[in-house]
PDB file of all heavy atoms in Angstrom:
ATOM      1  N   GLY A   1     -30.956  19.608  36.063  1.00  0.00           N
ATOM      2  CA  GLY A   1     -31.911  20.697  35.955  1.00  0.00           C
ATOM      3  C   GLY A   1     -32.958  20.483  34.879  1.00  0.00           C
ATOM      4  O   GLY A   1     -33.939  21.228  34.808  1.00  0.00           O
ATOM      5  N   GLY A   2     -32.747  19.485  34.031  1.00  0.00           N
ATOM      6  CA  GLY A   2     -33.661  19.207  32.937  1.00  0.00           C
ATOM      7  C   GLY A   2     -34.877  18.392  33.374  1.00  0.00           C
ATOM      8  O   GLY A   2     -35.037  18.074  34.570  1.00  0.00           O
ATOM      9  N   SER A   3     -35.698  18.053  32.390  1.00  0.00           N
ATOM     10  CA  SER A   3     -36.946  17.335  32.646  1.00  0.00           C
ATOM     11  C   SER A   3     -37.082  16.146  31.705  1.00  0.00           C
ATOM     12  O   SER A   3     -36.567  16.134  30.590  1.00  0.00           O
ATOM     13  CB  SER A   3     -38.155  18.255  32.443  1.00  0.00           C
ATOM     14  OG  SER A   3     -38.156  19.339  33.350  1.00  0.00           O
ATOM     15  N   LEU A   4     -37.810  15.160  32.189  1.00  0.00           N
ATOM     16  CA  LEU A   4     -38.197  13.993  31.375  1.00  0.00           C
ATOM     17  C   LEU A   4     -39.593  13.584  31.822  1.00  0.00           C
ATOM     18  O   LEU A   4     -39.956  13.785  32.990  1.00  0.00           O
ATOM     19  CB  LEU A   4     -37.248  12.803  31.581  1.00  0.00           C
ATOM     20  CG  LEU A   4     -35.902  12.801  30.864  1.00  0.00           C
ATOM     21  CD1 LEU A   4     -35.089  11.582  31.311  1.00  0.00           C
ATOM     22  CD2 LEU A   4     -36.066  12.814  29.370  1.00  0.00           C
ATOM     23  N   ARG A   5     -40.351  12.988  30.901  1.00  0.00           N
ATOM     24  CA  ARG A   5     -41.624  12.382  31.263  1.00  0.00           C
ATOM     25  C   ARG A   5     -41.589  10.914  30.887  1.00  0.00           C
ATOM     26  O   ARG A   5     -41.462  10.571  29.712  1.00  0.00           O
ATOM     27  CB  ARG A   5     -42.789  13.073  30.591  1.00  0.00           C
ATOM     28  CG  ARG A   5     -44.132  12.585  31.129  1.00  0.00           C
ATOM     29  CD  ARG A   5     -45.338  13.262  30.532  1.00  0.00           C
ATOM     30  NE  ARG A   5     -45.660  12.774  29.199  1.00  0.00           N
ATOM     31  CZ  ARG A   5     -46.839  12.892  28.623  1.00  0.00           C
ATOM     32  NH1 ARG A   5     -47.842  13.507  29.265  1.00  0.00           N
ATOM     33  NH2 ARG A   5     -47.057  12.440  27.412  1.00  0.00           N
ATOM     34  N   LEU A   6     -41.717  10.086  31.894  1.00  0.00           N
ATOM     35  CA  LEU A   6     -41.788   8.646  31.669  1.00  0.00           C
ATOM     36  C   LEU A   6     -43.256   8.238  31.481  1.00  0.00           C
ATOM     37  O   LEU A   6     -44.123   8.782  32.139  1.00  0.00           O
ATOM     38  CB  LEU A   6     -41.181   7.877  32.826  1.00  0.00           C
ATOM     39  CG  LEU A   6     -39.758   8.229  33.206  1.00  0.00           C
ATOM     40  CD1 LEU A   6     -39.299   7.310  34.339  1.00  0.00           C
ATOM     41  CD2 LEU A   6     -38.832   8.145  32.032  1.00  0.00           C
ATOM     42  N   SER A   7     -43.464   7.273  30.605  1.00  0.00           N
ATOM     43  CA  SER A   7     -44.813   6.697  30.399  1.00  0.00           C
ATOM     44  C   SER A   7     -44.789   5.224  30.740  1.00  0.00           C
ATOM     45  O   SER A   7     -43.775   4.551  30.550  1.00  0.00           O
ATOM     46  CB  SER A   7     -45.247   6.879  28.954  1.00  0.00           C
ATOM     47  OG  SER A   7     -45.293   8.224  28.585  1.00  0.00           O
ATOM     48  N   CYS A   8     -45.918   4.759  31.207  1.00  0.00           N
ATOM     49  CA  CYS A   8     -46.068   3.335  31.529  1.00  0.00           C
ATOM     50  C   CYS A   8     -47.418   2.899  30.941  1.00  0.00           C
ATOM     51  O   CYS A   8     -48.480   3.276  31.467  1.00  0.00           O
ATOM     52  CB  CYS A   8     -46.042   3.142  33.049  1.00  0.00           C
ATOM     53  SG  CYS A   8     -46.445   1.465  33.594  1.00  0.00           S
ATOM     54  N   ALA A   9     -47.363   2.151  29.862  1.00  0.00           N
ATOM     55  CA  ALA A   9     -48.587   1.705  29.182  1.00  0.00           C
ATOM     56  C   ALA A   9     -48.911   0.265  29.594  1.00  0.00           C
ATOM     57  O   ALA A   9     -48.020  -0.604  29.612  1.00  0.00           O
ATOM     58  CB  ALA A   9     -48.388   1.794  27.682  1.00  0.00           C
ATOM     59  N   ALA A  10     -50.157   0.028  29.878  1.00  0.00           N
ATOM     60  CA  ALA A  10     -50.612  -1.301  30.300  1.00  0.00           C
ATOM     61  C   ALA A  10     -51.335  -1.998  29.157  1.00  0.00           C
ATOM     62  O   ALA A  10     -52.014  -1.372  28.350  1.00  0.00           O
ATOM     63  CB  ALA A  10     -51.540  -1.171  31.494  1.00  0.00           C
ATOM     64  N   SER A  11     -51.159  -3.306  29.122  1.00  0.00           N
ATOM     65  CA  SER A  11     -51.935  -4.148  28.203  1.00  0.00           C
ATOM     66  C   SER A  11     -52.379  -5.387  28.939  1.00  0.00           C
ATOM     67  O   SER A  11     -51.700  -5.857  29.859  1.00  0.00           O
ATOM     68  CB  SER A  11     -51.119  -4.510  26.967  1.00  0.00           C
ATOM     69  OG  SER A  11     -49.968  -5.239  27.316  1.00  0.00           O
ATOM     70  N   GLY A  12     -53.536  -5.904  28.578  1.00  0.00           N
ATOM     71  CA  GLY A  12     -54.058  -7.083  29.236  1.00  0.00           C
ATOM     72  C   GLY A  12     -54.876  -6.778  30.489  1.00  0.00           C
ATOM     73  O   GLY A  12     -55.447  -7.703  31.063  1.00  0.00           O
ATOM     74  N   PHE A  13     -54.901  -5.530  30.890  1.00  0.00           N
ATOM     75  CA  PHE A  13     -55.691  -5.133  32.041  1.00  0.00           C
ATOM     76  C   PHE A  13     -55.857  -3.613  32.001  1.00  0.00           C
ATOM     77  O   PHE A  13     -55.148  -2.910  31.283  1.00  0.00           O
ATOM     78  CB  PHE A  13     -55.065  -5.581  33.356  1.00  0.00           C
ATOM     79  CG  PHE A  13     -53.762  -4.886  33.691  1.00  0.00           C
ATOM     80  CD1 PHE A  13     -53.697  -3.927  34.698  1.00  0.00           C
ATOM     81  CD2 PHE A  13     -52.579  -5.222  33.030  1.00  0.00           C
ATOM     82  CE1 PHE A  13     -52.514  -3.302  35.011  1.00  0.00           C
ATOM     83  CE2 PHE A  13     -51.381  -4.611  33.352  1.00  0.00           C
ATOM     84  CZ  PHE A  13     -51.347  -3.637  34.329  1.00  0.00           C
ATOM     85  N   THR A  14     -56.826  -3.131  32.780  1.00  0.00           N
ATOM     86  CA  THR A  14     -57.028  -1.687  32.828  1.00  0.00           C
ATOM     87  C   THR A  14     -56.367  -1.143  34.112  1.00  0.00           C
ATOM     88  O   THR A  14     -56.517  -1.695  35.194  1.00  0.00           O
ATOM     89  CB  THR A  14     -58.512  -1.326  32.809  1.00  0.00           C
ATOM     90  OG1 THR A  14     -59.189  -2.037  33.869  1.00  0.00           O
ATOM     91  CG2 THR A  14     -59.137  -1.694  31.489  1.00  0.00           C
ATOM     92  N   LEU A  15     -55.636  -0.059  33.933  1.00  0.00           N
ATOM     93  CA  LEU A  15     -54.833   0.461  35.028  1.00  0.00           C
ATOM     94  C   LEU A  15     -55.676   0.946  36.208  1.00  0.00           C
ATOM     95  O   LEU A  15     -55.200   0.916  37.344  1.00  0.00           O
ATOM     96  CB  LEU A  15     -53.948   1.593  34.558  1.00  0.00           C
ATOM     97  CG  LEU A  15     -52.673   1.192  33.800  1.00  0.00           C
ATOM     98  CD1 LEU A  15     -51.950   2.423  33.298  1.00  0.00           C
ATOM     99  CD2 LEU A  15     -51.770   0.363  34.700  1.00  0.00           C
ATOM    100  N   ASP A  16     -56.918   1.349  35.950  1.00  0.00           N
ATOM    101  CA  ASP A  16     -57.696   1.885  37.058  1.00  0.00           C
ATOM    102  C   ASP A  16     -58.218   0.799  37.986  1.00  0.00           C
ATOM    103  O   ASP A  16     -58.926   1.090  38.958  1.00  0.00           O
ATOM    104  CB  ASP A  16     -58.822   2.793  36.546  1.00  0.00           C
ATOM    105  CG  ASP A  16     -59.811   2.055  35.669  1.00  0.00           C
ATOM    106  OD1 ASP A  16     -59.624   0.837  35.426  1.00  0.00           O
ATOM    107  OD2 ASP A  16     -60.783   2.680  35.207  1.00  0.00           O
ATOM    108  N   THR A  17     -57.879  -0.459  37.695  1.00  0.00           N
ATOM    109  CA  THR A  17     -58.255  -1.551  38.607  1.00  0.00           C
ATOM    110  C   THR A  17     -57.067  -1.997  39.461  1.00  0.00           C
ATOM    111  O   THR A  17     -57.147  -2.960  40.218  1.00  0.00           O
ATOM    112  CB  THR A  17     -58.793  -2.761  37.823  1.00  0.00           C
ATOM    113  OG1 THR A  17     -57.780  -3.240  36.960  1.00  0.00           O
ATOM    114  CG2 THR A  17     -60.027  -2.379  37.012  1.00  0.00           C
ATOM    115  N   TYR A  18     -55.963  -1.253  39.320  1.00  0.00           N
ATOM    116  CA  TYR A  18     -54.761  -1.575  40.054  1.00  0.00           C
ATOM    117  C   TYR A  18     -54.149  -0.306  40.673  1.00  0.00           C
ATOM    118  O   TYR A  18     -54.322   0.785  40.132  1.00  0.00           O
ATOM    119  CB  TYR A  18     -53.698  -2.206  39.126  1.00  0.00           C
ATOM    120  CG  TYR A  18     -53.927  -3.629  38.772  1.00  0.00           C
ATOM    121  CD1 TYR A  18     -54.914  -3.993  37.867  1.00  0.00           C
ATOM    122  CD2 TYR A  18     -53.138  -4.636  39.327  1.00  0.00           C
ATOM    123  CE1 TYR A  18     -55.134  -5.314  37.521  1.00  0.00           C
ATOM    124  CE2 TYR A  18     -53.328  -5.961  38.988  1.00  0.00           C
ATOM    125  CZ  TYR A  18     -54.319  -6.307  38.088  1.00  0.00           C
ATOM    126  OH  TYR A  18     -54.528  -7.610  37.757  1.00  0.00           O
ATOM    127  N   ALA A  19     -53.430  -0.486  41.757  1.00  0.00           N
ATOM    128  CA  ALA A  19     -52.542   0.594  42.204  1.00  0.00           C
ATOM    129  C   ALA A  19     -51.290   0.533  41.357  1.00  0.00           C
ATOM    130  O   ALA A  19     -50.864  -0.540  40.899  1.00  0.00           O
ATOM    131  CB  ALA A  19     -52.186   0.364  43.684  1.00  0.00           C
ATOM    132  N   ILE A  20     -50.720   1.710  41.114  1.00  0.00           N
ATOM    133  CA  ILE A  20     -49.539   1.798  40.234  1.00  0.00           C
ATOM    134  C   ILE A  20     -48.411   2.501  40.966  1.00  0.00           C
ATOM    135  O   ILE A  20     -48.604   3.525  41.604  1.00  0.00           O
ATOM    136  CB  ILE A  20     -49.851   2.567  38.940  1.00  0.00           C
ATOM    137  CG1 ILE A  20     -50.967   1.859  38.171  1.00  0.00           C
ATOM    138  CG2 ILE A  20     -48.604   2.679  38.090  1.00  0.00           C
ATOM    139  CD1 ILE A  20     -50.618   0.465  37.689  1.00  0.00           C
ATOM    140  N   GLY A  21     -47.232   1.925  40.838  1.00  0.00           N
ATOM    141  CA  GLY A  21     -46.068   2.533  41.473  1.00  0.00           C
ATOM    142  C   GLY A  21     -44.927   2.734  40.497  1.00  0.00           C
ATOM    143  O   GLY A  21     -44.796   1.994  39.493  1.00  0.00           O
ATOM    144  N   TRP A  22     -44.133   3.733  40.778  1.00  0.00           N
ATOM    145  CA  TRP A  22     -42.867   3.952  40.087  1.00  0.00           C
ATOM    146  C   TRP A  22     -41.743   3.666  41.062  1.00  0.00           C
ATOM    147  O   TRP A  22     -41.773   4.149  42.199  1.00  0.00           O
ATOM    148  CB  TRP A  22     -42.754   5.391  39.567  1.00  0.00           C
ATOM    149  CG  TRP A  22     -43.593   5.693  38.380  1.00  0.00           C
ATOM    150  CD1 TRP A  22     -44.828   6.310  38.386  1.00  0.00           C
ATOM    151  CD2 TRP A  22     -43.281   5.437  37.024  1.00  0.00           C
ATOM    152  NE1 TRP A  22     -45.297   6.414  37.108  1.00  0.00           N
ATOM    153  CE2 TRP A  22     -44.364   5.906  36.232  1.00  0.00           C
ATOM    154  CE3 TRP A  22     -42.193   4.854  36.359  1.00  0.00           C
ATOM    155  CZ2 TRP A  22     -44.381   5.808  34.850  1.00  0.00           C
ATOM    156  CZ3 TRP A  22     -42.214   4.778  34.976  1.00  0.00           C
ATOM    157  CH2 TRP A  22     -43.294   5.233  34.246  1.00  0.00           C
ATOM    158  N   PHE A  23     -40.775   2.886  40.598  1.00  0.00           N
ATOM    159  CA  PHE A  23     -39.639   2.500  41.409  1.00  0.00           C
ATOM    160  C   PHE A  23     -38.364   2.777  40.596  1.00  0.00           C
ATOM    161  O   PHE A  23     -38.423   2.933  39.384  1.00  0.00           O
ATOM    162  CB  PHE A  23     -39.724   1.012  41.756  1.00  0.00           C
ATOM    163  CG  PHE A  23     -40.966   0.648  42.527  1.00  0.00           C
ATOM    164  CD1 PHE A  23     -42.162   0.430  41.881  1.00  0.00           C
ATOM    165  CD2 PHE A  23     -40.941   0.560  43.915  1.00  0.00           C
ATOM    166  CE1 PHE A  23     -43.321   0.111  42.570  1.00  0.00           C
ATOM    167  CE2 PHE A  23     -42.068   0.241  44.615  1.00  0.00           C
ATOM    168  CZ  PHE A  23     -43.264   0.024  43.955  1.00  0.00           C
ATOM    169  N   ARG A  24     -37.243   2.815  41.274  1.00  0.00           N
ATOM    170  CA  ARG A  24     -35.988   2.990  40.550  1.00  0.00           C
ATOM    171  C   ARG A  24     -34.891   2.211  41.248  1.00  0.00           C
ATOM    172  O   ARG A  24     -34.962   1.937  42.445  1.00  0.00           O
ATOM    173  CB  ARG A  24     -35.604   4.459  40.447  1.00  0.00           C
ATOM    174  CG  ARG A  24     -35.266   5.133  41.770  1.00  0.00           C
ATOM    175  CD  ARG A  24     -35.051   6.636  41.549  1.00  0.00           C
ATOM    176  NE  ARG A  24     -34.695   7.324  42.779  1.00  0.00           N
ATOM    177  CZ  ARG A  24     -34.538   8.637  42.875  1.00  0.00           C
ATOM    178  NH1 ARG A  24     -34.732   9.424  41.826  1.00  0.00           N
ATOM    179  NH2 ARG A  24     -34.204   9.195  44.038  1.00  0.00           N
TER     180      ARG A  24
END
């Protein structure tokens, strides 16, 4: 029932030039 916020920080490129996915 709780919450978490995951972050994904990019280096070496800008994220808006790529599609981004979350997997588990």
